[in-house]
């Protein structure tokens, strides 16, 4: 059995935090919420969250307001922000396999294994691109947090 700590993550921790923060802002009507509010409600370390929120602001996903009643807010409606935009804002493009990662000369075209990995990356990219933050907010939640929805 693989322990939780040994599982390979599909996304970086940064992307996970970014998605949590944006979904939380959508759940509260777009914001604004302070960094500390978001950190506490989404279980994200506030020092690291500041960097994540800055990247999301630079990407035009969030806006920042200073002063009393300020904080971070969605720049656009949750229905127009995709999960892919959020991930790309903090991690860059979903990595694709265009050549053999082993550098083998006899793999001038992708071998079956690397073609399959690239197809999977393409499907992840498409799923993120077709999923809005609004859809994530309105999706039914499983009763058990460890339960995965059926395909």
N, C-alpha and C. Protein backbone atom coordinates (compact mmCIF):
# COMPACT_ATOMS: atom_id res chain seq x y z
N UNK A 1 0.84 -1.18 0.00
CA UNK A 1 0.00 0.00 0.00
C UNK A 1 0.88 1.24 0.00
N UNK A 2 0.54 2.23 -0.81
CA UNK A 2 1.31 3.47 -0.90
C UNK A 2 0.75 4.45 0.12
N UNK A 3 1.63 5.00 0.93
CA UNK A 3 1.17 5.98 1.91
C UNK A 3 0.86 7.29 1.22
N UNK A 4 0.08 8.14 1.89
CA UNK A 4 -0.29 9.43 1.34
C UNK A 4 0.95 10.25 0.99
N UNK A 5 1.96 10.20 1.83
CA UNK A 5 3.16 10.99 1.62
C UNK A 5 3.95 10.52 0.40
N UNK A 6 3.79 9.28 -0.01
CA UNK A 6 4.55 8.75 -1.14
C UNK A 6 3.81 8.84 -2.47
N UNK A 7 2.58 9.25 -2.48
CA UNK A 7 1.83 9.35 -3.72
C UNK A 7 2.40 10.46 -4.59
N UNK A 8 2.46 10.22 -5.87
CA UNK A 8 2.88 11.25 -6.80
C UNK A 8 1.70 12.20 -7.01
N UNK A 9 1.96 13.47 -6.95
CA UNK A 9 0.90 14.46 -7.11
C UNK A 9 0.71 14.78 -8.59
N UNK A 10 -0.52 14.95 -8.97
CA UNK A 10 -0.82 15.34 -10.34
C UNK A 10 -0.47 16.81 -10.54
N UNK A 11 -0.68 17.62 -9.50
CA UNK A 11 -0.38 19.05 -9.56
C UNK A 11 0.62 19.39 -8.49
N UNK A 12 1.30 20.50 -8.67
CA UNK A 12 2.19 20.98 -7.62
C UNK A 12 1.36 21.45 -6.43
N UNK A 13 2.00 21.55 -5.29
CA UNK A 13 1.33 22.08 -4.10
C UNK A 13 0.86 23.50 -4.37
N UNK A 14 1.63 24.26 -5.12
CA UNK A 14 1.27 25.63 -5.46
C UNK A 14 -0.04 25.67 -6.25
N UNK A 15 -0.17 24.79 -7.23
CA UNK A 15 -1.41 24.74 -8.03
C UNK A 15 -2.59 24.33 -7.16
N UNK A 16 -2.37 23.38 -6.26
CA UNK A 16 -3.42 22.95 -5.33
C UNK A 16 -3.88 24.14 -4.48
N UNK A 17 -2.94 24.90 -3.94
CA UNK A 17 -3.29 26.07 -3.13
C UNK A 17 -4.02 27.11 -3.96
N UNK A 18 -3.56 27.33 -5.18
CA UNK A 18 -4.20 28.32 -6.06
C UNK A 18 -5.64 27.93 -6.35
N UNK A 19 -5.86 26.67 -6.66
CA UNK A 19 -7.23 26.20 -6.93
C UNK A 19 -8.10 26.34 -5.69
N UNK A 20 -7.58 25.95 -4.52
CA UNK A 20 -8.35 26.09 -3.28
C UNK A 20 -8.74 27.54 -3.03
N UNK A 21 -7.79 28.46 -3.21
CA UNK A 21 -8.05 29.87 -2.95
C UNK A 21 -9.10 30.43 -3.91
N UNK A 22 -8.98 30.11 -5.19
CA UNK A 22 -9.93 30.64 -6.18
C UNK A 22 -11.32 30.04 -5.96
N UNK A 23 -11.39 28.75 -5.67
CA UNK A 23 -12.69 28.13 -5.39
C UNK A 23 -13.32 28.76 -4.15
N UNK A 24 -12.54 28.99 -3.11
CA UNK A 24 -13.06 29.63 -1.91
C UNK A 24 -13.62 31.00 -2.22
N UNK A 25 -12.89 31.80 -2.97
CA UNK A 25 -13.38 33.13 -3.33
C UNK A 25 -14.69 33.03 -4.12
N UNK A 26 -14.79 32.06 -4.99
CA UNK A 26 -16.04 31.87 -5.75
C UNK A 26 -17.18 31.48 -4.80
N UNK A 27 -16.87 30.63 -3.81
CA UNK A 27 -17.90 30.18 -2.87
C UNK A 27 -18.46 31.34 -2.04
N UNK A 28 -17.65 32.36 -1.80
CA UNK A 28 -18.11 33.50 -0.99
C UNK A 28 -18.57 34.67 -1.87
N UNK A 29 -18.88 34.38 -3.11
CA UNK A 29 -19.42 35.41 -3.99
C UNK A 29 -18.38 36.25 -4.69
N UNK A 30 -17.14 35.81 -4.70
CA UNK A 30 -16.11 36.53 -5.44
C UNK A 30 -15.14 37.30 -4.57
N UNK A 31 -15.46 37.50 -3.29
CA UNK A 31 -14.57 38.21 -2.38
C UNK A 31 -15.02 39.64 -2.18
N UNK A 32 -14.24 40.45 -1.56
CA UNK A 32 -12.85 40.23 -1.20
C UNK A 32 -12.69 39.53 0.15
N UNK A 33 -11.58 38.79 0.24
CA UNK A 33 -11.14 38.18 1.49
C UNK A 33 -9.66 38.51 1.67
N UNK A 34 -9.25 38.68 2.91
CA UNK A 34 -7.84 38.93 3.19
C UNK A 34 -7.04 37.64 3.02
N UNK A 35 -5.75 37.80 2.91
CA UNK A 35 -4.87 36.63 2.82
C UNK A 35 -5.06 35.72 4.02
N UNK A 36 -5.16 36.31 5.21
CA UNK A 36 -5.34 35.49 6.42
C UNK A 36 -6.68 34.77 6.42
N UNK A 37 -7.74 35.42 5.92
CA UNK A 37 -9.04 34.76 5.81
C UNK A 37 -8.96 33.54 4.89
N UNK A 38 -8.35 33.74 3.73
CA UNK A 38 -8.23 32.66 2.76
C UNK A 38 -7.37 31.54 3.34
N UNK A 39 -6.26 31.90 3.94
CA UNK A 39 -5.34 30.90 4.51
C UNK A 39 -6.05 30.05 5.56
N UNK A 40 -6.79 30.68 6.45
CA UNK A 40 -7.48 29.95 7.50
C UNK A 40 -8.59 29.06 6.98
N UNK A 41 -9.37 29.59 6.06
CA UNK A 41 -10.52 28.83 5.55
C UNK A 41 -10.12 27.72 4.59
N UNK A 42 -9.02 27.90 3.87
CA UNK A 42 -8.60 26.91 2.86
C UNK A 42 -7.41 26.07 3.33
N UNK A 43 -7.00 26.25 4.58
CA UNK A 43 -5.91 25.48 5.16
C UNK A 43 -4.64 25.58 4.33
N UNK A 44 -4.20 26.83 4.12
CA UNK A 44 -3.00 27.12 3.34
C UNK A 44 -2.09 27.99 4.20
N UNK A 45 -0.79 27.72 4.26
CA UNK A 45 0.12 28.59 5.02
C UNK A 45 0.09 30.02 4.46
N UNK A 46 -0.18 31.00 5.30
CA UNK A 46 -0.39 32.37 4.81
C UNK A 46 0.83 32.98 4.16
N UNK A 47 2.03 32.68 4.64
CA UNK A 47 3.23 33.22 4.02
C UNK A 47 3.37 32.77 2.58
N UNK A 48 3.13 31.51 2.32
CA UNK A 48 3.23 30.98 0.97
C UNK A 48 2.05 31.45 0.12
N UNK A 49 0.88 31.54 0.75
CA UNK A 49 -0.32 31.96 0.02
C UNK A 49 -0.15 33.34 -0.59
N UNK A 50 0.55 34.24 0.09
CA UNK A 50 0.76 35.59 -0.45
C UNK A 50 1.39 35.54 -1.83
N UNK A 51 2.39 34.66 -2.00
CA UNK A 51 3.05 34.51 -3.30
C UNK A 51 2.09 33.96 -4.35
N UNK A 52 1.27 33.01 -3.94
CA UNK A 52 0.30 32.39 -4.86
C UNK A 52 -0.72 33.44 -5.31
N UNK A 53 -1.24 34.21 -4.36
CA UNK A 53 -2.24 35.23 -4.69
C UNK A 53 -1.65 36.30 -5.60
N UNK A 54 -0.39 36.64 -5.40
CA UNK A 54 0.27 37.63 -6.26
C UNK A 54 0.34 37.11 -7.69
N UNK A 55 0.70 35.83 -7.85
CA UNK A 55 0.75 35.24 -9.21
C UNK A 55 -0.63 35.23 -9.86
N UNK A 56 -1.66 34.91 -9.09
CA UNK A 56 -3.02 34.91 -9.62
C UNK A 56 -3.46 36.32 -10.01
N UNK A 57 -3.03 37.31 -9.24
CA UNK A 57 -3.34 38.71 -9.59
C UNK A 57 -2.62 39.11 -10.86
N UNK A 58 -1.34 38.75 -10.96
CA UNK A 58 -0.56 39.09 -12.16
C UNK A 58 -1.15 38.45 -13.41
N UNK A 59 -1.81 37.31 -13.24
CA UNK A 59 -2.43 36.61 -14.38
C UNK A 59 -3.82 37.14 -14.70
N UNK A 60 -4.33 38.10 -13.92
CA UNK A 60 -5.65 38.67 -14.18
C UNK A 60 -6.80 37.83 -13.67
N UNK A 61 -6.51 36.88 -12.78
CA UNK A 61 -7.57 36.04 -12.22
C UNK A 61 -8.15 36.68 -10.97
N UNK A 62 -7.28 37.31 -10.19
CA UNK A 62 -7.70 38.01 -8.97
C UNK A 62 -7.34 39.48 -9.07
N UNK A 63 -8.03 40.28 -8.26
CA UNK A 63 -7.65 41.67 -8.08
C UNK A 63 -7.39 41.87 -6.59
N UNK A 64 -6.53 42.82 -6.29
CA UNK A 64 -6.18 43.10 -4.90
C UNK A 64 -6.63 44.50 -4.54
N UNK A 65 -7.26 44.63 -3.38
CA UNK A 65 -7.71 45.93 -2.88
C UNK A 65 -7.05 46.17 -1.53
N UNK A 66 -6.40 47.30 -1.38
CA UNK A 66 -5.77 47.64 -0.10
C UNK A 66 -6.77 48.33 0.81
N UNK A 67 -6.45 48.33 2.08
CA UNK A 67 -7.23 49.09 3.05
C UNK A 67 -8.36 48.32 3.70
N UNK A 68 -9.12 49.06 4.50
CA UNK A 68 -10.25 48.47 5.22
C UNK A 68 -11.26 47.93 4.22
N UNK A 69 -11.70 46.70 4.44
CA UNK A 69 -12.66 46.07 3.53
C UNK A 69 -12.00 45.53 2.28
N UNK A 70 -10.67 45.58 2.24
CA UNK A 70 -9.95 45.12 1.06
C UNK A 70 -9.63 43.64 1.15
N UNK A 71 -8.77 43.24 0.26
CA UNK A 71 -8.37 41.85 0.18
C UNK A 71 -8.30 41.43 -1.28
N UNK A 72 -8.42 40.15 -1.50
CA UNK A 72 -8.39 39.61 -2.85
C UNK A 72 -9.79 39.22 -3.28
N UNK A 73 -10.07 39.47 -4.56
CA UNK A 73 -11.37 39.15 -5.14
C UNK A 73 -11.16 38.59 -6.54
N UNK A 74 -12.15 37.85 -7.01
CA UNK A 74 -12.11 37.37 -8.38
C UNK A 74 -12.17 38.57 -9.32
N UNK A 75 -11.33 38.57 -10.31
CA UNK A 75 -11.32 39.66 -11.30
C UNK A 75 -12.48 39.52 -12.29
N UNK A 76 -12.90 38.27 -12.52
CA UNK A 76 -13.98 37.98 -13.46
C UNK A 76 -14.94 37.01 -12.79
N UNK A 77 -16.11 36.82 -13.38
CA UNK A 77 -17.04 35.82 -12.82
C UNK A 77 -16.43 34.42 -12.83
N UNK A 78 -16.77 33.63 -11.82
CA UNK A 78 -16.26 32.27 -11.71
C UNK A 78 -16.61 31.43 -12.94
N UNK A 79 -17.69 31.80 -13.63
CA UNK A 79 -18.11 31.07 -14.83
C UNK A 79 -17.17 31.30 -16.01
N UNK A 80 -16.30 32.31 -15.91
CA UNK A 80 -15.39 32.60 -17.02
C UNK A 80 -13.93 32.29 -16.69
N UNK A 81 -13.68 31.69 -15.54
CA UNK A 81 -12.33 31.31 -15.15
C UNK A 81 -12.24 29.79 -15.18
N UNK A 82 -11.27 29.26 -15.92
CA UNK A 82 -11.13 27.81 -15.98
C UNK A 82 -10.07 27.34 -14.99
N UNK A 83 -10.17 26.08 -14.62
CA UNK A 83 -9.16 25.48 -13.75
C UNK A 83 -7.79 25.51 -14.43
N UNK A 84 -7.76 25.38 -15.76
CA UNK A 84 -6.50 25.43 -16.49
C UNK A 84 -5.84 26.80 -16.33
N UNK A 85 -6.61 27.86 -16.40
CA UNK A 85 -6.04 29.20 -16.21
C UNK A 85 -5.37 29.33 -14.85
N UNK A 86 -6.03 28.80 -13.83
CA UNK A 86 -5.49 28.88 -12.48
C UNK A 86 -4.19 28.10 -12.38
N UNK A 87 -4.18 26.87 -12.88
CA UNK A 87 -2.98 26.03 -12.83
C UNK A 87 -1.85 26.68 -13.62
N UNK A 88 -2.15 27.16 -14.83
CA UNK A 88 -1.12 27.78 -15.66
C UNK A 88 -0.58 29.07 -15.05
N UNK A 89 -1.40 29.78 -14.29
CA UNK A 89 -0.96 31.03 -13.67
C UNK A 89 0.16 30.80 -12.66
N UNK A 90 0.15 29.64 -12.03
CA UNK A 90 1.16 29.37 -11.00
C UNK A 90 2.20 28.34 -11.40
N UNK A 91 1.87 27.45 -12.33
CA UNK A 91 2.78 26.37 -12.72
C UNK A 91 3.26 26.44 -14.16
N UNK A 92 2.63 27.27 -14.97
CA UNK A 92 2.93 27.25 -16.39
C UNK A 92 2.09 26.18 -17.07
N UNK A 93 2.41 25.89 -18.30
CA UNK A 93 1.63 24.93 -19.09
C UNK A 93 1.75 23.52 -18.52
N UNK A 94 0.69 22.74 -18.72
CA UNK A 94 0.71 21.33 -18.35
C UNK A 94 1.82 20.68 -19.18
N UNK A 95 2.77 19.99 -18.51
CA UNK A 95 3.90 19.42 -19.27
C UNK A 95 3.43 18.35 -20.26
N UNK A 96 3.96 18.44 -21.45
CA UNK A 96 3.66 17.48 -22.50
C UNK A 96 4.94 16.74 -22.86
N UNK A 97 4.81 15.57 -23.44
CA UNK A 97 5.96 14.77 -23.84
C UNK A 97 6.08 14.88 -25.36
N UNK A 98 7.14 15.55 -25.82
CA UNK A 98 7.30 15.71 -27.27
C UNK A 98 8.49 14.92 -27.80
N UNK A 99 9.35 14.45 -26.86
CA UNK A 99 10.47 13.61 -27.26
C UNK A 99 10.78 12.67 -26.10
N UNK A 100 11.54 11.65 -26.37
CA UNK A 100 11.85 10.65 -25.35
C UNK A 100 12.55 11.31 -24.17
N UNK A 101 11.98 11.23 -22.97
CA UNK A 101 12.62 11.83 -21.81
C UNK A 101 13.95 11.17 -21.45
N UNK A 102 14.20 9.96 -21.98
CA UNK A 102 15.45 9.26 -21.71
C UNK A 102 16.56 9.68 -22.68
N UNK A 103 16.19 10.44 -23.71
CA UNK A 103 17.16 10.90 -24.69
C UNK A 103 17.69 9.81 -25.61
N UNK A 104 16.94 8.73 -25.74
CA UNK A 104 17.40 7.61 -26.57
C UNK A 104 17.33 7.96 -28.05
N UNK A 105 18.43 7.75 -28.73
CA UNK A 105 18.51 8.07 -30.16
C UNK A 105 17.54 7.22 -30.98
N UNK A 106 17.28 5.99 -30.54
CA UNK A 106 16.39 5.12 -31.30
C UNK A 106 14.91 5.48 -31.08
N UNK A 107 14.64 6.49 -30.29
CA UNK A 107 13.27 6.97 -30.07
C UNK A 107 13.08 8.32 -30.76
N UNK A 108 13.20 8.34 -32.07
CA UNK A 108 13.01 9.59 -32.81
C UNK A 108 11.54 10.00 -32.82
N UNK A 109 10.65 9.04 -32.65
CA UNK A 109 9.23 9.32 -32.43
C UNK A 109 8.90 8.75 -31.06
N UNK A 110 7.83 9.21 -30.49
CA UNK A 110 7.48 8.75 -29.15
C UNK A 110 7.17 7.25 -29.15
N UNK A 111 7.76 6.56 -28.22
CA UNK A 111 7.46 5.14 -28.05
C UNK A 111 6.05 5.01 -27.49
N UNK A 112 5.47 3.81 -27.48
CA UNK A 112 4.10 3.65 -26.99
C UNK A 112 3.90 4.17 -25.56
N UNK A 113 4.87 3.96 -24.69
CA UNK A 113 4.74 4.44 -23.31
C UNK A 113 4.66 5.96 -23.26
N UNK A 114 5.56 6.63 -23.94
CA UNK A 114 5.57 8.10 -23.88
C UNK A 114 4.40 8.71 -24.65
N UNK A 115 3.93 8.03 -25.70
CA UNK A 115 2.71 8.49 -26.39
C UNK A 115 1.52 8.42 -25.44
N UNK A 116 1.43 7.32 -24.66
CA UNK A 116 0.34 7.17 -23.70
C UNK A 116 0.41 8.26 -22.62
N UNK A 117 1.61 8.53 -22.14
CA UNK A 117 1.78 9.58 -21.12
C UNK A 117 1.39 10.94 -21.69
N UNK A 118 1.78 11.22 -22.92
CA UNK A 118 1.42 12.50 -23.53
C UNK A 118 -0.08 12.61 -23.76
N UNK A 119 -0.72 11.50 -24.18
CA UNK A 119 -2.18 11.53 -24.35
C UNK A 119 -2.87 11.82 -23.01
N UNK A 120 -2.36 11.23 -21.94
CA UNK A 120 -2.93 11.47 -20.61
C UNK A 120 -2.77 12.94 -20.22
N UNK A 121 -1.61 13.52 -20.49
CA UNK A 121 -1.39 14.94 -20.21
C UNK A 121 -2.35 15.81 -21.02
N UNK A 122 -2.58 15.42 -22.27
CA UNK A 122 -3.51 16.14 -23.14
C UNK A 122 -4.93 16.08 -22.57
N UNK A 123 -5.31 14.90 -22.07
CA UNK A 123 -6.65 14.75 -21.48
C UNK A 123 -6.79 15.56 -20.20
N UNK A 124 -5.75 15.62 -19.39
CA UNK A 124 -5.78 16.44 -18.17
C UNK A 124 -5.93 17.91 -18.56
N UNK A 125 -5.16 18.34 -19.53
CA UNK A 125 -5.23 19.72 -20.00
C UNK A 125 -6.64 20.06 -20.52
N UNK A 126 -7.23 19.15 -21.29
CA UNK A 126 -8.58 19.36 -21.82
C UNK A 126 -9.61 19.41 -20.69
N UNK A 127 -9.48 18.52 -19.71
CA UNK A 127 -10.42 18.51 -18.59
C UNK A 127 -10.33 19.81 -17.80
N UNK A 128 -9.13 20.29 -17.55
CA UNK A 128 -8.96 21.56 -16.82
C UNK A 128 -9.50 22.73 -17.63
N UNK A 129 -9.28 22.68 -18.94
CA UNK A 129 -9.75 23.75 -19.82
C UNK A 129 -11.27 23.80 -19.91
N UNK A 130 -11.91 22.65 -19.78
CA UNK A 130 -13.37 22.56 -19.88
C UNK A 130 -14.08 22.66 -18.54
N UNK A 131 -13.33 22.93 -17.47
CA UNK A 131 -13.92 23.01 -16.13
C UNK A 131 -13.78 24.42 -15.59
N UNK A 132 -14.91 25.07 -15.38
CA UNK A 132 -14.86 26.41 -14.81
C UNK A 132 -14.83 26.33 -13.29
N UNK A 133 -14.41 27.41 -12.68
CA UNK A 133 -14.41 27.48 -11.22
C UNK A 133 -15.85 27.39 -10.72
N UNK A 134 -16.79 27.98 -11.44
CA UNK A 134 -18.20 27.89 -11.06
C UNK A 134 -18.65 26.42 -11.01
N UNK A 135 -18.22 25.63 -11.99
CA UNK A 135 -18.59 24.21 -12.01
C UNK A 135 -18.02 23.48 -10.80
N UNK A 136 -16.83 23.84 -10.38
CA UNK A 136 -16.23 23.21 -9.20
C UNK A 136 -17.00 23.58 -7.94
N UNK A 137 -17.46 24.81 -7.87
CA UNK A 137 -18.21 25.27 -6.69
C UNK A 137 -19.56 24.57 -6.62
N UNK A 138 -20.19 24.37 -7.75
CA UNK A 138 -21.54 23.81 -7.75
C UNK A 138 -21.58 22.29 -7.86
N UNK A 139 -20.42 21.65 -8.02
CA UNK A 139 -20.38 20.19 -8.14
C UNK A 139 -20.79 19.53 -6.83
N UNK A 140 -21.54 18.42 -6.92
CA UNK A 140 -21.91 17.70 -5.69
C UNK A 140 -20.66 17.19 -4.99
N UNK A 141 -20.70 17.20 -3.67
CA UNK A 141 -19.57 16.74 -2.86
C UNK A 141 -19.81 15.32 -2.41
N UNK A 142 -18.78 14.47 -2.44
CA UNK A 142 -18.95 13.11 -1.92
C UNK A 142 -19.14 13.15 -0.41
N UNK A 143 -19.85 12.17 0.13
CA UNK A 143 -20.07 12.09 1.57
C UNK A 143 -18.75 11.81 2.29
N UNK A 144 -17.95 10.94 1.71
CA UNK A 144 -16.65 10.59 2.27
C UNK A 144 -15.60 11.38 1.52
N UNK A 145 -14.77 12.21 2.19
CA UNK A 145 -13.78 13.02 1.46
C UNK A 145 -12.74 12.20 0.71
N UNK A 146 -12.58 10.92 1.05
CA UNK A 146 -11.62 10.07 0.34
C UNK A 146 -12.24 9.33 -0.84
N UNK A 147 -13.54 9.51 -1.00
CA UNK A 147 -14.28 8.85 -2.08
C UNK A 147 -14.03 9.59 -3.38
N UNK A 148 -13.79 8.84 -4.44
CA UNK A 148 -13.61 9.43 -5.76
C UNK A 148 -14.87 9.17 -6.57
N UNK A 149 -15.33 10.19 -7.33
CA UNK A 149 -16.53 9.99 -8.14
C UNK A 149 -16.30 8.94 -9.21
N UNK A 150 -17.34 8.26 -9.57
CA UNK A 150 -17.26 7.26 -10.64
C UNK A 150 -17.04 7.95 -11.97
N UNK A 151 -16.31 7.32 -12.88
CA UNK A 151 -16.07 7.94 -14.20
C UNK A 151 -17.33 8.04 -15.01
